[in-house]
Amino acid sequence: MSRQLMLVVWPCLALGTVVGCATPPDPMPPSSWSLQQTSEKRTSEVYVAEPSTGTTWIDEASDRHVTVLLGQRMLDQDDWDPVEDQLAGGLEVDGSNPSTGHGYEVGLTYSQDDDSEGPVDFDGNTFDIYGGYRYTFHPEESSIHPYLSGGLAVIRAEAEVDTPGGNSSDDDYTPGVYVRAGIGFDLSEKTRLGVDYRHMFLTDVDIGSISDVDFDQLMLTLGFAF
């Protein structure tokens, strides 16, 4: 029995360094195992970036409306008499962040009036495009939304006079600055009724005796959320 065992063991001892039958590989230290496992885990993981939670007042401008305006524009009587009180209508888009109140407004307005004094007919009209910053108050669980705003406008003004001796007309353009205040009342989730006041100043035109297009404007508003 011992002789047979020697016959089996001896070739292995003699050839162990060549074929590795008697010399098993050194075990990997535990620390090496953990490093290798960590490395393999990192290479197999896929990292997905989570969306940023940071937002701006424009990103959250979710309270948006398209608004129709109708009312009266009151120009300087000394310049525009007898057509200083003009019927005005406009269209506007506004938006505000319900959390902060910060927002914007852009719109356009047209106004016109005509009158006669004896044989002389007068006609006056204005058109402006405007845009600016708006702050809207959003009281919790309230259907009332006051707002304040201010911005810049570009205005075109035209005046025409018809006399028995002929017709004359002229127009001019001017920039302007405005301030504004108003209040809106929610009729439903999609409809808002309101009253709006706007004051325009720092305008300058050269249309005969007309030197400016400064005005005060009072409008009824009907807004539709989108």
Protein backbone atom coordinates (compact mmCIF):
# COMPACT_ATOMS: atom_id res chain seq x y z
CA MET A 1 0.00 0.00 0.00
CA SER A 2 2.79 2.43 0.91
CA ARG A 3 4.64 1.53 -2.26
CA GLN A 4 1.61 2.33 -4.42
CA LEU A 5 1.15 5.66 -2.60
CA MET A 6 4.75 6.59 -3.26
CA LEU A 7 4.27 5.79 -6.95
CA VAL A 8 1.41 8.27 -7.09
CA VAL A 9 2.95 11.04 -4.98
CA TRP A 10 6.45 10.98 -6.38
CA PRO A 11 5.56 12.01 -9.99
CA CYS A 12 3.47 14.83 -8.66
CA LEU A 13 6.29 16.10 -6.47
CA ALA A 14 8.70 15.83 -9.35
CA LEU A 15 6.45 17.59 -11.89
CA GLY A 16 4.57 19.92 -9.52
CA THR A 17 6.47 23.03 -10.57
CA VAL A 18 5.66 22.33 -14.23
CA VAL A 19 2.01 21.32 -14.23
CA GLY A 20 0.92 22.69 -10.83
CA CYS A 21 -0.68 19.43 -9.73
CA ALA A 22 0.75 19.60 -6.23
CA THR A 23 1.10 23.35 -5.70
CA PRO A 24 -2.25 25.16 -5.54
CA PRO A 25 -2.27 28.92 -6.21
CA ASP A 26 -1.81 31.14 -3.21
CA PRO A 27 -5.15 32.28 -1.86
CA MET A 28 -5.97 35.97 -2.51
CA PRO A 29 -5.80 38.04 0.69
CA PRO A 30 -9.19 39.14 1.97
CA SER A 31 -8.27 42.77 1.38
CA SER A 32 -7.60 42.03 -2.30
CA TRP A 33 -10.98 40.31 -2.57
CA SER A 34 -12.79 43.35 -1.27
CA LEU A 35 -10.87 45.70 -3.60
CA GLN A 36 -11.61 43.50 -6.58
CA GLN A 37 -15.29 43.17 -5.69
CA THR A 38 -15.56 46.94 -5.19
CA SER A 39 -13.90 47.58 -8.52
CA GLU A 40 -16.18 45.15 -10.33
CA LYS A 41 -19.23 46.67 -8.66
CA ARG A 42 -18.25 50.20 -9.69
CA THR A 43 -17.66 49.20 -13.30
CA SER A 44 -21.03 47.48 -13.49
CA GLU A 45 -23.07 50.27 -11.91
CA VAL A 46 -24.93 52.79 -14.06
CA TYR A 47 -25.46 56.20 -12.50
CA VAL A 48 -28.56 58.11 -13.53
CA ALA A 49 -28.56 61.84 -12.85
CA GLU A 50 -31.64 62.95 -11.00
CA PRO A 51 -33.47 65.96 -12.40
CA SER A 52 -32.58 69.26 -10.80
CA THR A 53 -35.11 70.69 -8.39
CA GLY A 54 -33.97 74.25 -8.93
CA THR A 55 -36.48 76.41 -10.79
CA THR A 56 -36.80 80.03 -11.81
CA TRP A 57 -39.80 82.36 -11.71
CA ILE A 58 -40.17 81.89 -15.46
CA ASP A 59 -40.11 78.08 -15.20
CA GLU A 60 -43.00 78.19 -12.79
CA ALA A 61 -45.00 80.92 -14.51
CA SER A 62 -47.99 78.63 -14.59
CA ASP A 63 -50.69 81.27 -14.02
CA ARG A 64 -50.95 82.46 -17.64
CA HIS A 65 -53.75 84.36 -19.38
CA VAL A 66 -54.74 85.78 -22.73
CA THR A 67 -56.72 88.92 -21.90
CA VAL A 68 -59.08 91.13 -23.90
CA LEU A 69 -59.24 94.79 -22.75
CA LEU A 70 -61.93 97.38 -23.49
CA GLY A 71 -62.30 100.89 -22.07
CA GLN A 72 -61.23 104.50 -22.45
CA ARG A 73 -57.90 106.23 -23.07
CA MET A 74 -57.73 109.82 -21.83
CA LEU A 75 -55.10 111.93 -23.60
CA ASP A 76 -53.91 115.45 -22.74
CA GLN A 77 -56.81 117.81 -23.44
CA ASP A 78 -54.53 120.73 -24.30
CA ASP A 79 -52.98 118.68 -27.13
CA TRP A 80 -55.81 116.43 -28.31
CA ASP A 81 -59.02 118.43 -27.86
CA PRO A 82 -61.69 117.59 -29.04
CA VAL A 83 -60.61 113.95 -29.49
CA GLU A 84 -58.79 113.49 -26.18
CA ASP A 85 -61.17 110.83 -24.78
CA GLN A 86 -60.78 107.81 -27.03
CA LEU A 87 -62.41 104.38 -27.08
CA ALA A 88 -59.63 101.81 -26.54
CA GLY A 89 -59.31 98.08 -26.98
CA GLY A 90 -56.41 95.69 -26.63
CA LEU A 91 -55.07 92.17 -26.38
CA GLU A 92 -52.53 90.99 -23.83
CA VAL A 93 -50.63 87.92 -22.63
CA ASP A 94 -49.46 87.73 -19.03
CA GLY A 95 -47.99 85.14 -16.70
CA SER A 96 -46.95 84.91 -13.06
CA ASN A 97 -45.49 82.44 -10.61
CA PRO A 98 -48.22 81.54 -8.08
CA SER A 99 -45.58 80.99 -5.37
CA THR A 100 -43.64 84.26 -5.72
CA GLY A 101 -45.93 86.55 -7.70
CA HIS A 102 -43.17 87.50 -10.19
CA GLY A 103 -44.27 87.62 -13.80
CA TYR A 104 -44.49 89.47 -17.10
CA GLU A 105 -46.93 91.11 -19.51
CA VAL A 106 -46.88 91.94 -23.23
CA GLY A 107 -49.68 93.44 -25.26
CA LEU A 108 -50.99 95.92 -27.78
CA THR A 109 -53.72 98.58 -27.63
CA TYR A 110 -55.53 100.75 -30.16
CA SER A 111 -57.60 103.86 -29.40
CA GLN A 112 -59.63 106.24 -31.59
CA ASP A 113 -62.04 109.16 -31.42
CA ASP A 114 -63.56 111.64 -33.85
CA ASP A 115 -65.54 114.84 -33.37
CA SER A 116 -66.73 117.93 -35.21
CA GLU A 117 -66.71 121.64 -34.49
CA GLY A 118 -68.82 123.39 -37.07
CA PRO A 119 -67.57 122.48 -40.54
CA VAL A 120 -64.30 121.06 -39.21
CA ASP A 121 -63.95 117.33 -38.53
CA PHE A 122 -61.26 115.96 -36.23
CA ASP A 123 -59.97 112.40 -35.96
CA GLY A 124 -57.29 111.05 -33.64
CA ASN A 125 -55.94 107.58 -32.97
CA THR A 126 -53.07 105.89 -31.17
CA PHE A 127 -51.55 102.42 -31.26
CA ASP A 128 -48.99 101.02 -28.81
CA ILE A 129 -47.05 97.83 -28.19
CA TYR A 130 -45.86 97.36 -24.63
CA GLY A 131 -44.18 94.92 -22.29
CA GLY A 132 -42.94 94.84 -18.73
CA TYR A 133 -42.68 93.27 -15.30
CA ARG A 134 -45.79 92.35 -13.34
CA TYR A 135 -46.19 91.39 -9.70
CA THR A 136 -49.42 89.54 -8.97
CA PHE A 137 -50.72 88.89 -5.48
CA HIS A 138 -51.97 85.32 -4.99
CA PRO A 139 -53.75 85.14 -1.62
CA GLU A 140 -54.26 81.56 -0.47
CA GLU A 141 -57.68 80.15 -1.32
CA SER A 142 -58.79 83.51 -2.73
CA SER A 143 -60.37 84.33 -6.09
CA ILE A 144 -59.12 87.95 -5.98
CA HIS A 145 -55.75 88.79 -7.59
CA PRO A 146 -54.47 92.39 -7.39
CA TYR A 147 -51.38 93.27 -9.44
CA LEU A 148 -48.84 96.04 -10.04
CA SER A 149 -46.68 96.43 -13.13
CA GLY A 150 -44.43 98.74 -15.09
CA GLY A 151 -42.65 98.71 -18.42
CA LEU A 152 -41.87 100.30 -21.77
CA ALA A 153 -43.97 100.99 -24.84
CA VAL A 154 -43.66 102.13 -28.44
CA ILE A 155 -46.55 104.35 -29.54
CA ARG A 156 -47.77 105.57 -32.92
CA ALA A 157 -50.08 108.59 -32.86
CA GLU A 158 -52.03 110.12 -35.74
CA ALA A 159 -54.23 113.20 -36.06
CA GLU A 160 -56.37 114.26 -39.01
CA VAL A 161 -58.33 117.47 -39.67
CA ASP A 162 -60.91 117.90 -42.43
CA THR A 163 -61.92 121.44 -43.34
CA PRO A 164 -63.94 122.86 -46.26
CA GLY A 165 -60.64 123.99 -47.69
CA GLY A 166 -58.94 120.59 -47.56
CA ASN A 167 -57.62 117.73 -45.48
CA SER A 168 -54.44 117.48 -43.40
CA SER A 169 -53.04 114.60 -41.37
CA ASP A 170 -49.80 113.69 -39.67
CA ASP A 171 -48.38 110.93 -37.49
CA ASP A 172 -45.35 110.25 -35.33
CA TYR A 173 -43.75 107.54 -33.18
CA THR A 174 -42.45 107.77 -29.64
CA PRO A 175 -41.21 105.53 -26.84
CA GLY A 176 -42.97 105.74 -23.50
CA VAL A 177 -42.85 104.50 -19.92
CA TYR A 178 -45.88 103.23 -18.04
CA VAL A 179 -47.00 102.17 -14.58
CA ARG A 180 -50.06 100.10 -13.98
CA ALA A 181 -52.38 98.65 -11.34
CA GLY A 182 -55.35 96.36 -11.51
CA ILE A 183 -57.33 93.58 -9.94
CA GLY A 184 -58.72 90.32 -11.30
CA PHE A 185 -61.59 88.17 -10.06
CA ASP A 186 -61.75 84.47 -10.88
CA LEU A 187 -65.09 83.60 -12.45
CA SER A 188 -63.92 80.00 -12.91
CA GLU A 189 -60.66 78.07 -13.16
CA LYS A 190 -60.22 79.31 -16.74
CA THR A 191 -61.85 82.76 -16.73
CA ARG A 192 -60.91 85.99 -14.94
CA LEU A 193 -62.74 89.34 -14.98
CA GLY A 194 -60.95 92.52 -13.92
CA VAL A 195 -60.43 96.28 -13.86
CA ASP A 196 -57.17 97.84 -15.06
CA TYR A 197 -55.58 101.30 -14.83
CA ARG A 198 -52.48 102.38 -16.79
CA HIS A 199 -50.59 105.69 -16.85
CA MET A 200 -48.26 106.47 -19.78
CA PHE A 201 -45.66 109.24 -19.56
CA LEU A 202 -42.36 110.54 -21.00
CA THR A 203 -43.69 110.51 -24.58
CA ASP A 204 -42.71 113.10 -27.20
CA VAL A 205 -44.23 113.61 -30.67
CA ASP A 206 -44.37 116.38 -33.25
CA ILE A 207 -47.84 116.38 -34.85
CA GLY A 208 -48.89 119.98 -35.47
CA SER A 209 -49.77 121.39 -32.04
CA ILE A 210 -49.62 117.93 -30.40
CA SER A 211 -46.43 117.43 -28.38
CA ASP A 212 -47.04 114.19 -26.44
CA VAL A 213 -49.13 111.04 -26.16
CA ASP A 214 -49.19 110.82 -22.38
CA PHE A 215 -52.45 109.26 -21.19
CA ASP A 216 -54.45 107.69 -18.41
CA GLN A 217 -56.34 104.56 -19.33
CA LEU A 218 -59.15 102.67 -17.59
CA MET A 219 -60.17 99.25 -18.90
CA LEU A 220 -62.39 96.28 -18.19
CA THR A 221 -60.52 93.01 -18.73
CA LEU A 222 -61.57 89.46 -19.50
CA GLY A 223 -58.82 86.85 -19.25
CA PHE A 224 -58.70 83.21 -20.31
CA ALA A 225 -56.17 80.85 -18.71
CA PHE A 226 -53.99 78.62 -20.86
